[in-house]
């Protein structure tokens, strides 16, 4: 005899198949130690695993270039990028919401220039 178990309460929700390829995102970033707070940030995710975009600080715009990937079996997005005129690369991670429209709790870490560490949140355009 075969038994069937129900997972209504005990089993985790299945992970969605997230797709960021070909999408554009806008939002804000902050670097508290500089201090920079709630400045515009834009990113575009290509199907080839690259990202481009920019951040603003006042009237100045700085280009972003790098790569991205999704952590298999999760909603975590890894970003590896540089910001023009900022020393050192950034390693970042954010959580993609279940409805695939927001990158939340983003953390930007710059190992070369730790004073450049920050946070970000973006919404899909």
N, C-alpha and C. Protein backbone atom coordinates (compact mmCIF):
# COMPACT_ATOMS: atom_id res chain seq x y z
N UNK A 1 0.84 -1.17 0.00
CA UNK A 1 0.00 0.00 0.00
C UNK A 1 0.89 1.24 0.00
N UNK A 2 0.58 2.16 -0.83
CA UNK A 2 1.31 3.41 -0.90
C UNK A 2 0.58 4.47 -0.10
N UNK A 3 1.35 5.28 0.63
CA UNK A 3 0.75 6.38 1.38
C UNK A 3 1.13 7.71 0.76
N UNK A 4 0.27 8.66 0.88
CA UNK A 4 0.54 10.00 0.37
C UNK A 4 0.52 10.97 1.53
N UNK A 5 1.50 11.84 1.56
CA UNK A 5 1.58 12.83 2.64
C UNK A 5 1.21 14.20 2.11
N UNK A 6 0.62 14.98 2.95
CA UNK A 6 0.26 16.34 2.59
C UNK A 6 1.33 17.30 3.10
N UNK A 7 1.63 18.34 2.31
CA UNK A 7 2.65 19.32 2.70
C UNK A 7 2.06 20.69 2.95
N UNK A 8 0.80 20.78 3.25
CA UNK A 8 0.16 22.08 3.36
C UNK A 8 0.86 23.02 4.33
N UNK A 9 1.32 22.53 5.46
CA UNK A 9 1.92 23.41 6.45
C UNK A 9 3.42 23.22 6.60
N UNK A 10 3.92 22.03 6.36
CA UNK A 10 5.30 21.71 6.69
C UNK A 10 6.29 21.87 5.54
N UNK A 11 5.84 21.85 4.32
CA UNK A 11 6.76 21.90 3.18
C UNK A 11 6.95 23.34 2.70
N UNK A 12 8.17 23.68 2.31
CA UNK A 12 8.40 25.04 1.81
C UNK A 12 7.73 25.26 0.47
N UNK A 13 7.44 26.52 0.19
CA UNK A 13 6.90 26.88 -1.12
C UNK A 13 7.92 26.57 -2.19
N UNK A 14 7.50 26.08 -3.36
CA UNK A 14 8.48 25.84 -4.42
C UNK A 14 9.08 27.16 -4.89
N UNK A 15 10.35 27.12 -5.25
CA UNK A 15 11.04 28.32 -5.74
C UNK A 15 10.56 28.61 -7.15
N UNK A 16 10.21 29.85 -7.40
CA UNK A 16 9.79 30.26 -8.73
C UNK A 16 10.97 30.24 -9.68
N UNK A 17 10.67 30.13 -10.95
CA UNK A 17 11.71 30.30 -11.96
C UNK A 17 11.80 31.78 -12.28
N UNK A 18 12.74 32.44 -11.67
CA UNK A 18 12.91 33.87 -11.86
C UNK A 18 13.61 34.13 -13.18
N UNK A 19 13.27 35.21 -13.84
CA UNK A 19 13.91 35.56 -15.09
C UNK A 19 14.14 37.06 -15.11
N UNK A 20 15.41 37.44 -15.15
CA UNK A 20 15.76 38.86 -15.16
C UNK A 20 16.35 39.27 -16.51
N UNK A 21 16.56 38.30 -17.40
CA UNK A 21 17.17 38.58 -18.69
C UNK A 21 16.39 39.62 -19.47
N UNK A 22 17.08 40.62 -19.98
CA UNK A 22 16.46 41.64 -20.80
C UNK A 22 15.62 42.64 -20.02
N UNK A 23 15.78 42.69 -18.71
CA UNK A 23 14.96 43.60 -17.91
C UNK A 23 15.75 44.83 -17.46
N UNK A 24 15.01 45.90 -17.18
CA UNK A 24 15.59 47.15 -16.66
C UNK A 24 14.97 47.45 -15.31
N UNK A 25 15.78 48.03 -14.41
CA UNK A 25 15.38 48.27 -13.03
C UNK A 25 15.80 49.67 -12.60
N UNK A 26 14.98 50.33 -11.81
CA UNK A 26 15.32 51.65 -11.26
C UNK A 26 15.04 51.66 -9.77
N UNK A 27 15.79 52.48 -9.07
CA UNK A 27 15.58 52.60 -7.63
C UNK A 27 16.59 53.55 -7.03
N UNK A 28 17.00 53.24 -5.80
CA UNK A 28 17.94 54.11 -5.11
C UNK A 28 19.02 53.28 -4.43
N UNK A 29 20.13 53.96 -4.14
CA UNK A 29 21.23 53.37 -3.38
C UNK A 29 21.67 54.38 -2.33
N UNK A 30 22.34 53.87 -1.31
CA UNK A 30 22.88 54.71 -0.24
C UNK A 30 24.25 54.18 0.15
N UNK A 31 25.16 55.08 0.46
CA UNK A 31 26.48 54.74 1.01
C UNK A 31 26.64 55.61 2.25
N UNK A 32 26.25 55.09 3.40
CA UNK A 32 26.18 55.89 4.63
C UNK A 32 27.49 56.57 5.04
N UNK A 33 28.63 55.94 4.82
CA UNK A 33 29.90 56.51 5.30
C UNK A 33 30.38 57.69 4.48
N UNK A 34 29.79 57.93 3.29
CA UNK A 34 30.32 58.99 2.41
C UNK A 34 29.82 60.38 2.82
N UNK A 35 28.68 60.77 3.17
CA UNK A 35 27.39 60.09 3.10
C UNK A 35 26.66 60.38 1.78
N UNK A 36 26.08 59.31 1.26
CA UNK A 36 25.19 59.40 0.09
C UNK A 36 23.91 58.68 0.51
N UNK A 37 22.77 59.34 0.33
CA UNK A 37 21.50 58.71 0.74
C UNK A 37 20.46 58.83 -0.35
N UNK A 38 19.84 57.71 -0.65
CA UNK A 38 18.70 57.65 -1.57
C UNK A 38 18.93 58.34 -2.90
N UNK A 39 20.04 58.01 -3.54
CA UNK A 39 20.35 58.56 -4.86
C UNK A 39 19.91 57.58 -5.95
N UNK A 40 19.58 58.06 -7.16
CA UNK A 40 19.09 57.19 -8.23
C UNK A 40 20.11 56.14 -8.68
N UNK A 41 19.59 54.94 -8.97
CA UNK A 41 20.38 53.83 -9.48
C UNK A 41 19.55 53.13 -10.55
N UNK A 42 20.19 52.79 -11.68
CA UNK A 42 19.52 52.10 -12.78
C UNK A 42 20.39 50.93 -13.23
N UNK A 43 19.76 49.77 -13.48
CA UNK A 43 20.48 48.61 -13.98
C UNK A 43 19.68 47.94 -15.08
N UNK A 44 20.41 47.39 -16.07
CA UNK A 44 19.82 46.57 -17.12
C UNK A 44 20.53 45.23 -17.11
N UNK A 45 19.75 44.15 -17.14
CA UNK A 45 20.25 42.78 -17.08
C UNK A 45 20.13 42.13 -18.45
N UNK A 46 21.26 41.71 -19.02
CA UNK A 46 21.22 41.07 -20.34
C UNK A 46 21.06 39.57 -20.19
N UNK A 47 20.65 38.92 -21.27
CA UNK A 47 20.52 37.46 -21.27
C UNK A 47 21.88 36.78 -21.29
N UNK A 48 22.94 37.53 -21.56
CA UNK A 48 24.29 36.95 -21.59
C UNK A 48 24.99 37.05 -20.24
N UNK A 49 24.31 37.55 -19.22
CA UNK A 49 24.88 37.63 -17.88
C UNK A 49 25.62 38.91 -17.56
N UNK A 50 25.46 39.93 -18.40
CA UNK A 50 26.10 41.21 -18.10
C UNK A 50 25.07 42.21 -17.57
N UNK A 51 25.57 43.19 -16.81
CA UNK A 51 24.73 44.30 -16.37
C UNK A 51 25.39 45.60 -16.77
N UNK A 52 24.57 46.57 -17.07
CA UNK A 52 25.01 47.93 -17.32
C UNK A 52 24.05 48.84 -16.58
N UNK A 53 24.46 50.07 -16.39
CA UNK A 53 23.58 51.02 -15.72
C UNK A 53 24.35 52.21 -15.23
N UNK A 54 23.78 52.88 -14.22
CA UNK A 54 24.45 54.03 -13.64
C UNK A 54 23.91 54.34 -12.26
N UNK A 55 24.70 55.10 -11.54
CA UNK A 55 24.28 55.68 -10.27
C UNK A 55 24.50 57.18 -10.38
N UNK A 56 23.71 57.93 -9.64
CA UNK A 56 23.88 59.39 -9.62
C UNK A 56 24.24 59.82 -8.21
N UNK A 57 24.98 60.90 -8.15
CA UNK A 57 25.26 61.56 -6.88
C UNK A 57 25.15 63.04 -7.17
N UNK A 58 24.04 63.62 -6.77
CA UNK A 58 23.76 65.00 -7.12
C UNK A 58 23.57 65.11 -8.63
N UNK A 59 24.33 66.00 -9.28
CA UNK A 59 24.22 66.18 -10.72
C UNK A 59 25.16 65.28 -11.51
N UNK A 60 26.00 64.50 -10.84
CA UNK A 60 26.98 63.64 -11.51
C UNK A 60 26.43 62.22 -11.70
N UNK A 61 26.70 61.65 -12.88
CA UNK A 61 26.29 60.29 -13.21
C UNK A 61 27.53 59.43 -13.41
N UNK A 62 27.52 58.21 -12.85
CA UNK A 62 28.65 57.29 -12.94
C UNK A 62 28.18 55.97 -13.51
N UNK A 63 28.87 55.47 -14.53
CA UNK A 63 28.49 54.23 -15.22
C UNK A 63 28.78 53.00 -14.37
N UNK A 64 27.91 52.00 -14.52
CA UNK A 64 28.08 50.68 -13.89
C UNK A 64 28.26 49.67 -15.02
N UNK A 65 29.19 48.73 -14.84
CA UNK A 65 29.37 47.63 -15.79
C UNK A 65 29.78 46.40 -15.01
N UNK A 66 29.26 45.23 -15.40
CA UNK A 66 29.63 44.02 -14.71
C UNK A 66 28.83 42.82 -15.16
N UNK A 67 28.60 41.89 -14.22
CA UNK A 67 27.88 40.67 -14.53
C UNK A 67 26.91 40.33 -13.40
N UNK A 68 26.02 39.37 -13.67
CA UNK A 68 25.02 38.97 -12.70
C UNK A 68 24.73 37.49 -12.84
N UNK A 69 24.17 36.88 -11.78
CA UNK A 69 23.64 35.53 -11.84
C UNK A 69 22.64 35.32 -10.72
N UNK A 70 21.76 34.36 -10.93
CA UNK A 70 20.81 33.95 -9.91
C UNK A 70 21.41 32.77 -9.16
N UNK A 71 21.25 32.74 -7.84
CA UNK A 71 21.70 31.60 -7.06
C UNK A 71 20.71 30.47 -7.32
N UNK A 72 21.18 29.31 -7.83
CA UNK A 72 20.26 28.21 -8.15
C UNK A 72 19.38 27.82 -6.97
N UNK A 73 18.08 27.64 -7.24
CA UNK A 73 17.13 27.21 -6.24
C UNK A 73 16.76 28.26 -5.21
N UNK A 74 17.03 29.54 -5.51
CA UNK A 74 16.70 30.59 -4.54
C UNK A 74 16.25 31.85 -5.27
N UNK A 75 15.95 32.88 -4.49
CA UNK A 75 15.56 34.17 -5.06
C UNK A 75 16.69 35.19 -4.91
N UNK A 76 17.90 34.72 -4.61
CA UNK A 76 19.06 35.62 -4.45
C UNK A 76 19.71 35.91 -5.78
N UNK A 77 20.02 37.18 -5.99
CA UNK A 77 20.69 37.63 -7.20
C UNK A 77 22.07 38.14 -6.80
N UNK A 78 23.11 37.65 -7.47
CA UNK A 78 24.47 38.13 -7.26
C UNK A 78 24.83 39.11 -8.35
N UNK A 79 25.47 40.21 -7.98
CA UNK A 79 25.92 41.23 -8.92
C UNK A 79 27.41 41.47 -8.68
N UNK A 80 28.17 41.55 -9.76
CA UNK A 80 29.60 41.83 -9.70
C UNK A 80 29.84 42.99 -10.66
N UNK A 81 30.23 44.17 -10.14
CA UNK A 81 30.31 45.32 -11.03
C UNK A 81 31.34 46.33 -10.54
N UNK A 82 31.64 47.26 -11.43
CA UNK A 82 32.45 48.42 -11.08
C UNK A 82 31.62 49.66 -11.34
N UNK A 83 31.95 50.71 -10.61
CA UNK A 83 31.34 52.02 -10.82
C UNK A 83 32.45 52.94 -11.28
N UNK A 84 32.24 53.59 -12.41
CA UNK A 84 33.27 54.47 -12.98
C UNK A 84 33.77 55.46 -11.94
N UNK A 85 35.05 55.63 -11.87
CA UNK A 85 35.82 56.52 -10.99
C UNK A 85 35.87 56.05 -9.52
N UNK A 86 35.23 54.94 -9.18
CA UNK A 86 35.30 54.40 -7.81
C UNK A 86 36.34 53.27 -7.82
N UNK A 87 37.27 53.30 -6.88
CA UNK A 87 38.29 52.27 -6.80
C UNK A 87 37.69 50.95 -6.34
N UNK A 88 38.05 49.88 -7.04
CA UNK A 88 37.67 48.53 -6.64
C UNK A 88 36.33 48.07 -7.15
N UNK A 89 36.22 46.75 -7.34
CA UNK A 89 34.95 46.16 -7.78
C UNK A 89 33.99 45.96 -6.62
N UNK A 90 32.72 45.88 -6.94
CA UNK A 90 31.68 45.60 -5.96
C UNK A 90 31.19 44.17 -6.11
N UNK A 91 30.95 43.52 -5.00
CA UNK A 91 30.26 42.24 -4.95
C UNK A 91 28.98 42.52 -4.19
N UNK A 92 27.86 42.22 -4.83
CA UNK A 92 26.57 42.58 -4.25
C UNK A 92 25.61 41.41 -4.29
N UNK A 93 24.62 41.47 -3.42
CA UNK A 93 23.56 40.49 -3.43
C UNK A 93 22.26 41.18 -3.04
N UNK A 94 21.17 40.72 -3.66
CA UNK A 94 19.85 41.24 -3.35
C UNK A 94 18.85 40.09 -3.45
N UNK A 95 17.67 40.30 -2.91
CA UNK A 95 16.61 39.31 -2.95
C UNK A 95 15.55 39.75 -3.95
N UNK A 96 15.25 38.87 -4.89
CA UNK A 96 14.21 39.11 -5.88
C UNK A 96 12.89 38.67 -5.27
N UNK A 97 11.90 39.57 -5.22
CA UNK A 97 10.61 39.23 -4.62
C UNK A 97 9.89 38.17 -5.43
N UNK A 98 8.94 37.50 -4.79
CA UNK A 98 8.24 36.39 -5.42
C UNK A 98 7.45 36.79 -6.65
N UNK A 99 7.07 38.04 -6.76
CA UNK A 99 6.34 38.46 -7.95
C UNK A 99 7.28 38.99 -9.03
N UNK A 100 8.60 38.82 -8.81
CA UNK A 100 9.61 39.13 -9.82
C UNK A 100 9.65 40.60 -10.21
N UNK A 101 9.29 41.49 -9.29
CA UNK A 101 9.25 42.91 -9.63
C UNK A 101 10.15 43.80 -8.79
N UNK A 102 10.73 43.27 -7.71
CA UNK A 102 11.58 44.12 -6.86
C UNK A 102 12.84 43.37 -6.45
N UNK A 103 13.94 44.12 -6.41
CA UNK A 103 15.18 43.64 -5.82
C UNK A 103 15.28 44.37 -4.48
N UNK A 104 15.18 43.61 -3.40
CA UNK A 104 15.17 44.21 -2.06
C UNK A 104 16.37 43.78 -1.24
N UNK A 105 16.63 44.52 -0.19
CA UNK A 105 17.71 44.21 0.75
C UNK A 105 19.06 44.07 0.05
N UNK A 106 19.29 44.89 -0.96
CA UNK A 106 20.55 44.84 -1.69
C UNK A 106 21.70 45.37 -0.86
N UNK A 107 22.81 44.65 -0.87
CA UNK A 107 24.01 45.04 -0.15
C UNK A 107 25.16 45.10 -1.15
N UNK A 108 25.87 46.24 -1.19
CA UNK A 108 27.02 46.44 -2.08
C UNK A 108 28.28 46.45 -1.21
N UNK A 109 29.21 45.53 -1.48
CA UNK A 109 30.45 45.46 -0.71
C UNK A 109 31.64 45.72 -1.62
N UNK A 110 32.47 46.68 -1.23
CA UNK A 110 33.67 47.02 -1.98
C UNK A 110 34.87 46.67 -1.10
N UNK A 111 35.55 45.53 -1.43
CA UNK A 111 36.67 45.07 -0.61
C UNK A 111 37.87 46.00 -0.68
N UNK A 112 38.04 46.68 -1.80
CA UNK A 112 39.18 47.59 -1.97
C UNK A 112 38.99 48.88 -1.21
N UNK A 113 37.77 49.41 -1.24
CA UNK A 113 37.46 50.67 -0.59
C UNK A 113 36.22 50.48 0.29
N UNK A 114 36.39 49.89 1.49
CA UNK A 114 35.21 49.60 2.34
C UNK A 114 34.35 50.82 2.66
N UNK A 115 34.92 52.01 2.58
CA UNK A 115 34.12 53.21 2.81
C UNK A 115 33.01 53.33 1.76
N UNK A 116 33.16 52.60 0.64
CA UNK A 116 32.17 52.62 -0.43
C UNK A 116 31.06 51.61 -0.29
N UNK A 117 30.99 50.86 0.83
CA UNK A 117 29.93 49.86 1.02
C UNK A 117 28.58 50.56 1.15
N UNK A 118 27.55 49.91 0.60
CA UNK A 118 26.24 50.53 0.66
C UNK A 118 25.10 49.55 0.51
N UNK A 119 23.91 50.10 0.30
CA UNK A 119 22.68 49.33 0.15
C UNK A 119 21.92 49.85 -1.06
N UNK A 120 20.99 49.03 -1.58
CA UNK A 120 20.16 49.47 -2.70
C UNK A 120 18.85 48.69 -2.74
N UNK A 121 17.88 49.26 -3.42
CA UNK A 121 16.59 48.61 -3.69
C UNK A 121 16.14 49.10 -5.06
N UNK A 122 15.69 48.15 -5.89
CA UNK A 122 15.30 48.48 -7.26
C UNK A 122 13.95 47.86 -7.60
N UNK A 123 13.23 48.51 -8.51
CA UNK A 123 11.95 48.02 -9.00
C UNK A 123 12.05 47.80 -10.50
N UNK A 124 11.48 46.69 -10.97
CA UNK A 124 11.50 46.37 -12.40
C UNK A 124 10.65 47.38 -13.15
N UNK A 125 11.18 47.88 -14.27
CA UNK A 125 10.44 48.85 -15.11
C UNK A 125 9.40 48.14 -15.94
